[in-house]
Amino acid sequence: MAKKAGNVIGGWAFLIGVVLALVLGFLGNVTGTMATILVVVGVIIGLLNIADKESAPFLMSGAVLVIVSSFGQETLSVVTRLSTVVDALLLLFVPATIVVAIRHVLKIAKR
């Protein structure tokens, strides 16, 4: 069976976003245009890549990632490269998690 165009685009957005976040994180601080690109890719991931049946596990994983990263920032600051990688990943996953959470709440509200 052929994949839907949104699934293909969302899958590529996810792969490109994670690789881009890792590379930019290892290169140094992510600011300006690159941060905006990661946020836009995160929104695309949230809109196109996460199906309804994947919403709950994605939201749990996204929430854990954001919470642990936030609380661990001081600890991670000792290893600068790791800290910037986590910051870049957060720029990608926070918007994706917000989009999926809004979609999930709207779906629940329609019931």
N, C-alpha and C. Protein backbone atom coordinates (compact mmCIF):
# COMPACT_ATOMS: atom_id res chain seq x y z
N MET A 1 0.84 -1.17 0.00
CA MET A 1 0.00 0.00 0.00
C MET A 1 0.89 1.24 0.00
N ALA A 2 0.56 2.24 -0.79
CA ALA A 2 1.36 3.46 -0.90
C ALA A 2 1.18 4.31 0.36
N LYS A 3 2.27 4.99 0.74
CA LYS A 3 2.20 5.88 1.88
C LYS A 3 1.57 7.20 1.46
N LYS A 4 0.90 7.86 2.40
CA LYS A 4 0.35 9.18 2.14
C LYS A 4 1.50 10.18 2.02
N ALA A 5 1.29 11.23 1.24
CA ALA A 5 2.33 12.25 1.05
C ALA A 5 2.72 12.90 2.37
N GLY A 6 1.73 13.15 3.25
CA GLY A 6 2.02 13.77 4.55
C GLY A 6 2.92 12.90 5.41
N ASN A 7 2.72 11.58 5.36
CA ASN A 7 3.55 10.68 6.14
C ASN A 7 4.99 10.70 5.64
N VAL A 8 5.16 10.74 4.32
CA VAL A 8 6.50 10.77 3.75
C VAL A 8 7.20 12.08 4.11
N ILE A 9 6.49 13.20 3.95
CA ILE A 9 7.07 14.50 4.28
C ILE A 9 7.37 14.58 5.77
N GLY A 10 6.43 14.12 6.59
CA GLY A 10 6.64 14.14 8.04
C GLY A 10 7.79 13.26 8.47
N GLY A 11 7.93 12.09 7.83
CA GLY A 11 9.04 11.19 8.14
C GLY A 11 10.38 11.82 7.80
N TRP A 12 10.45 12.43 6.62
CA TRP A 12 11.69 13.10 6.23
C TRP A 12 11.96 14.31 7.12
N ALA A 13 10.91 15.05 7.49
CA ALA A 13 11.09 16.19 8.39
C ALA A 13 11.66 15.73 9.72
N PHE A 14 11.16 14.61 10.22
CA PHE A 14 11.66 14.09 11.50
C PHE A 14 13.14 13.71 11.39
N LEU A 15 13.49 12.96 10.36
CA LEU A 15 14.87 12.54 10.17
C LEU A 15 15.80 13.73 9.98
N ILE A 16 15.43 14.63 9.09
CA ILE A 16 16.26 15.81 8.83
C ILE A 16 16.36 16.67 10.07
N GLY A 17 15.25 16.84 10.79
CA GLY A 17 15.26 17.66 12.00
C GLY A 17 16.17 17.12 13.08
N VAL A 18 16.11 15.83 13.32
CA VAL A 18 16.97 15.23 14.35
C VAL A 18 18.45 15.33 13.96
N VAL A 19 18.75 15.00 12.71
CA VAL A 19 20.14 15.08 12.24
C VAL A 19 20.63 16.53 12.31
N LEU A 20 19.81 17.47 11.86
CA LEU A 20 20.18 18.88 11.89
C LEU A 20 20.40 19.35 13.32
N ALA A 21 19.51 18.95 14.24
CA ALA A 21 19.65 19.34 15.64
C ALA A 21 20.94 18.78 16.24
N LEU A 22 21.25 17.53 15.93
CA LEU A 22 22.49 16.94 16.45
C LEU A 22 23.72 17.64 15.90
N VAL A 23 23.74 17.87 14.60
CA VAL A 23 24.90 18.53 13.97
C VAL A 23 25.06 19.95 14.50
N LEU A 24 23.97 20.72 14.52
CA LEU A 24 24.06 22.10 15.01
C LEU A 24 24.44 22.14 16.49
N GLY A 25 23.93 21.20 17.25
CA GLY A 25 24.28 21.15 18.67
C GLY A 25 25.75 20.89 18.88
N PHE A 26 26.33 20.00 18.09
CA PHE A 26 27.76 19.71 18.22
C PHE A 26 28.62 20.86 17.72
N LEU A 27 28.10 21.65 16.78
CA LEU A 27 28.87 22.77 16.25
C LEU A 27 28.91 23.96 17.19
N GLY A 28 27.94 24.08 18.05
CA GLY A 28 27.93 25.21 18.99
C GLY A 28 26.52 25.70 19.23
N ASN A 29 26.41 26.91 19.78
CA ASN A 29 25.10 27.48 20.10
C ASN A 29 24.26 27.64 18.84
N VAL A 30 22.99 27.31 18.97
CA VAL A 30 22.04 27.45 17.86
C VAL A 30 21.26 28.73 18.10
N THR A 31 21.42 29.69 17.19
CA THR A 31 20.72 30.97 17.34
C THR A 31 20.12 31.39 16.02
N GLY A 32 19.24 32.36 16.08
CA GLY A 32 18.71 33.02 14.90
C GLY A 32 18.01 32.11 13.91
N THR A 33 18.50 32.16 12.69
CA THR A 33 17.86 31.46 11.58
C THR A 33 17.81 29.96 11.81
N MET A 34 18.87 29.38 12.31
CA MET A 34 18.89 27.92 12.52
C MET A 34 17.87 27.51 13.58
N ALA A 35 17.71 28.32 14.61
CA ALA A 35 16.70 28.01 15.64
C ALA A 35 15.31 28.09 15.03
N THR A 36 15.08 29.09 14.19
CA THR A 36 13.78 29.21 13.53
C THR A 36 13.50 28.01 12.64
N ILE A 37 14.52 27.56 11.92
CA ILE A 37 14.36 26.38 11.05
C ILE A 37 14.00 25.16 11.88
N LEU A 38 14.66 24.96 13.01
CA LEU A 38 14.35 23.80 13.87
C LEU A 38 12.92 23.88 14.39
N VAL A 39 12.47 25.07 14.75
CA VAL A 39 11.10 25.23 15.25
C VAL A 39 10.10 24.92 14.14
N VAL A 40 10.34 25.43 12.94
CA VAL A 40 9.43 25.17 11.81
C VAL A 40 9.40 23.68 11.48
N VAL A 41 10.55 23.04 11.48
CA VAL A 41 10.59 21.59 11.23
C VAL A 41 9.84 20.85 12.34
N GLY A 42 9.96 21.32 13.57
CA GLY A 42 9.22 20.71 14.68
C GLY A 42 7.71 20.82 14.49
N VAL A 43 7.25 21.96 14.00
CA VAL A 43 5.82 22.13 13.73
C VAL A 43 5.38 21.17 12.62
N ILE A 44 6.20 21.05 11.58
CA ILE A 44 5.89 20.12 10.49
C ILE A 44 5.81 18.69 11.01
N ILE A 45 6.74 18.32 11.87
CA ILE A 45 6.72 16.98 12.47
C ILE A 45 5.42 16.77 13.24
N GLY A 46 5.04 17.75 14.05
CA GLY A 46 3.82 17.63 14.84
C GLY A 46 2.58 17.53 13.98
N LEU A 47 2.56 18.24 12.86
CA LEU A 47 1.38 18.24 11.98
C LEU A 47 1.30 17.00 11.11
N LEU A 48 2.43 16.55 10.58
CA LEU A 48 2.40 15.52 9.55
C LEU A 48 2.90 14.14 9.96
N ASN A 49 3.70 14.05 10.99
CA ASN A 49 4.36 12.79 11.28
C ASN A 49 3.71 11.97 12.38
N ILE A 50 2.97 12.60 13.25
CA ILE A 50 2.42 11.90 14.40
C ILE A 50 0.94 11.60 14.15
N ALA A 51 0.62 10.33 13.98
CA ALA A 51 -0.76 9.90 13.75
C ALA A 51 -1.53 9.92 15.07
N ASP A 52 -2.85 9.85 14.96
CA ASP A 52 -3.70 9.89 16.16
C ASP A 52 -3.34 8.79 17.16
N LYS A 53 -3.07 7.58 16.64
CA LYS A 53 -2.76 6.47 17.56
C LYS A 53 -1.39 6.63 18.22
N GLU A 54 -0.54 7.49 17.64
CA GLU A 54 0.79 7.72 18.21
C GLU A 54 0.83 8.93 19.13
N SER A 55 -0.28 9.65 19.25
CA SER A 55 -0.30 10.90 20.02
C SER A 55 0.08 10.69 21.48
N ALA A 56 -0.57 9.75 22.15
CA ALA A 56 -0.32 9.56 23.58
C ALA A 56 1.13 9.17 23.86
N PRO A 57 1.71 8.18 23.16
CA PRO A 57 3.11 7.86 23.43
C PRO A 57 4.06 9.02 23.09
N PHE A 58 3.76 9.74 22.00
CA PHE A 58 4.61 10.87 21.64
C PHE A 58 4.54 11.97 22.70
N LEU A 59 3.33 12.24 23.19
CA LEU A 59 3.18 13.28 24.22
C LEU A 59 3.90 12.89 25.51
N MET A 60 3.83 11.62 25.87
CA MET A 60 4.54 11.17 27.07
C MET A 60 6.05 11.33 26.88
N SER A 61 6.54 10.87 25.75
CA SER A 61 7.98 10.97 25.48
C SER A 61 8.42 12.42 25.38
N GLY A 62 7.62 13.23 24.69
CA GLY A 62 7.96 14.65 24.54
C GLY A 62 7.97 15.37 25.88
N ALA A 63 6.97 15.08 26.70
CA ALA A 63 6.91 15.72 28.02
C ALA A 63 8.10 15.32 28.88
N VAL A 64 8.46 14.05 28.86
CA VAL A 64 9.62 13.59 29.63
C VAL A 64 10.89 14.26 29.13
N LEU A 65 11.06 14.33 27.81
CA LEU A 65 12.24 14.97 27.23
C LEU A 65 12.35 16.42 27.66
N VAL A 66 11.25 17.15 27.57
CA VAL A 66 11.26 18.57 27.92
C VAL A 66 11.50 18.77 29.42
N ILE A 67 10.84 18.00 30.25
CA ILE A 67 10.99 18.15 31.70
C ILE A 67 12.39 17.78 32.16
N VAL A 68 12.87 16.64 31.73
CA VAL A 68 14.21 16.19 32.16
C VAL A 68 15.28 17.14 31.63
N SER A 69 15.13 17.59 30.41
CA SER A 69 16.11 18.51 29.84
C SER A 69 16.11 19.84 30.59
N SER A 70 14.92 20.30 30.93
CA SER A 70 14.81 21.56 31.66
C SER A 70 15.45 21.46 33.04
N PHE A 71 15.14 20.40 33.77
CA PHE A 71 15.70 20.24 35.10
C PHE A 71 17.19 19.91 35.06
N GLY A 72 17.63 19.30 33.97
CA GLY A 72 19.03 18.89 33.89
C GLY A 72 19.95 19.91 33.25
N GLN A 73 19.45 21.08 32.90
CA GLN A 73 20.28 22.08 32.21
C GLN A 73 21.52 22.45 33.01
N GLU A 74 21.38 22.64 34.30
CA GLU A 74 22.53 23.04 35.11
C GLU A 74 23.58 21.92 35.12
N THR A 75 23.14 20.69 35.23
CA THR A 75 24.05 19.56 35.23
C THR A 75 24.72 19.41 33.88
N LEU A 76 23.93 19.58 32.81
CA LEU A 76 24.47 19.43 31.46
C LEU A 76 25.42 20.55 31.07
N SER A 77 25.34 21.69 31.76
CA SER A 77 26.20 22.81 31.40
C SER A 77 27.68 22.48 31.59
N VAL A 78 27.98 21.45 32.36
CA VAL A 78 29.37 21.03 32.56
C VAL A 78 29.94 20.47 31.25
N VAL A 79 29.12 19.78 30.48
CA VAL A 79 29.53 19.23 29.19
C VAL A 79 28.87 20.11 28.12
N THR A 80 29.58 21.11 27.65
CA THR A 80 29.02 22.14 26.79
C THR A 80 28.38 21.58 25.53
N ARG A 81 29.06 20.68 24.84
CA ARG A 81 28.52 20.14 23.59
C ARG A 81 27.21 19.38 23.83
N LEU A 82 27.16 18.61 24.89
CA LEU A 82 25.94 17.87 25.20
C LEU A 82 24.80 18.83 25.51
N SER A 83 25.10 19.90 26.21
CA SER A 83 24.10 20.90 26.54
C SER A 83 23.54 21.57 25.29
N THR A 84 24.40 21.89 24.33
CA THR A 84 23.92 22.53 23.11
C THR A 84 23.14 21.55 22.23
N VAL A 85 23.50 20.28 22.26
CA VAL A 85 22.74 19.26 21.52
C VAL A 85 21.34 19.15 22.10
N VAL A 86 21.23 19.11 23.42
CA VAL A 86 19.91 19.03 24.07
C VAL A 86 19.10 20.28 23.77
N ASP A 87 19.73 21.45 23.78
CA ASP A 87 19.02 22.69 23.44
C ASP A 87 18.47 22.63 22.02
N ALA A 88 19.27 22.14 21.09
CA ALA A 88 18.83 22.03 19.69
C ALA A 88 17.69 21.02 19.56
N LEU A 89 17.78 19.91 20.26
CA LEU A 89 16.70 18.92 20.22
C LEU A 89 15.41 19.49 20.83
N LEU A 90 15.55 20.31 21.86
CA LEU A 90 14.37 20.95 22.46
C LEU A 90 13.72 21.91 21.47
N LEU A 91 14.53 22.64 20.69
CA LEU A 91 13.97 23.53 19.68
C LEU A 91 13.15 22.75 18.65
N LEU A 92 13.48 21.51 18.45
CA LEU A 92 12.76 20.66 17.52
C LEU A 92 11.53 20.02 18.17
N PHE A 93 11.68 19.49 19.37
CA PHE A 93 10.61 18.70 19.98
C PHE A 93 9.56 19.50 20.73
N VAL A 94 9.91 20.66 21.26
CA VAL A 94 8.89 21.44 21.98
C VAL A 94 7.75 21.86 21.05
N PRO A 95 8.03 22.44 19.87
CA PRO A 95 6.91 22.79 18.99
C PRO A 95 6.13 21.57 18.51
N ALA A 96 6.83 20.48 18.22
CA ALA A 96 6.14 19.26 17.79
C ALA A 96 5.21 18.76 18.89
N THR A 97 5.68 18.78 20.13
CA THR A 97 4.87 18.33 21.26
C THR A 97 3.66 19.24 21.47
N ILE A 98 3.86 20.54 21.33
CA ILE A 98 2.75 21.48 21.49
C ILE A 98 1.68 21.24 20.43
N VAL A 99 2.10 21.06 19.18
CA VAL A 99 1.14 20.83 18.08
C VAL A 99 0.37 19.54 18.32
N VAL A 100 1.07 18.48 18.69
CA VAL A 100 0.40 17.19 18.93
C VAL A 100 -0.54 17.30 20.13
N ALA A 101 -0.13 18.01 21.16
CA ALA A 101 -0.99 18.17 22.34
C ALA A 101 -2.27 18.92 21.99
N ILE A 102 -2.16 19.97 21.20
CA ILE A 102 -3.34 20.73 20.79
C ILE A 102 -4.26 19.85 19.94
N ARG A 103 -3.69 19.12 18.99
CA ARG A 103 -4.49 18.21 18.17
C ARG A 103 -5.20 17.17 19.03
N HIS A 104 -4.47 16.63 20.01
CA HIS A 104 -5.03 15.59 20.89
C HIS A 104 -6.18 16.16 21.72
N VAL A 105 -6.01 17.35 22.27
CA VAL A 105 -7.06 17.98 23.08
C VAL A 105 -8.29 18.27 22.22
N LEU A 106 -8.08 18.76 21.00
CA LEU A 106 -9.21 19.03 20.11
C LEU A 106 -9.95 17.74 19.75
N LYS A 107 -9.21 16.66 19.56
CA LYS A 107 -9.85 15.37 19.27
C LYS A 107 -10.69 14.91 20.46
N ILE A 108 -10.16 15.06 21.66
CA ILE A 108 -10.90 14.69 22.86
C ILE A 108 -12.14 15.55 23.01
N ALA A 109 -12.03 16.84 22.70
CA ALA A 109 -13.15 17.76 22.85
C ALA A 109 -14.29 17.44 21.87
N LYS A 110 -13.96 16.85 20.73
CA LYS A 110 -14.97 16.51 19.73
C LYS A 110 -15.82 15.31 20.14
N ARG A 111 -15.36 14.52 21.08
CA ARG A 111 -16.09 13.31 21.48
C ARG A 111 -17.36 13.62 22.17
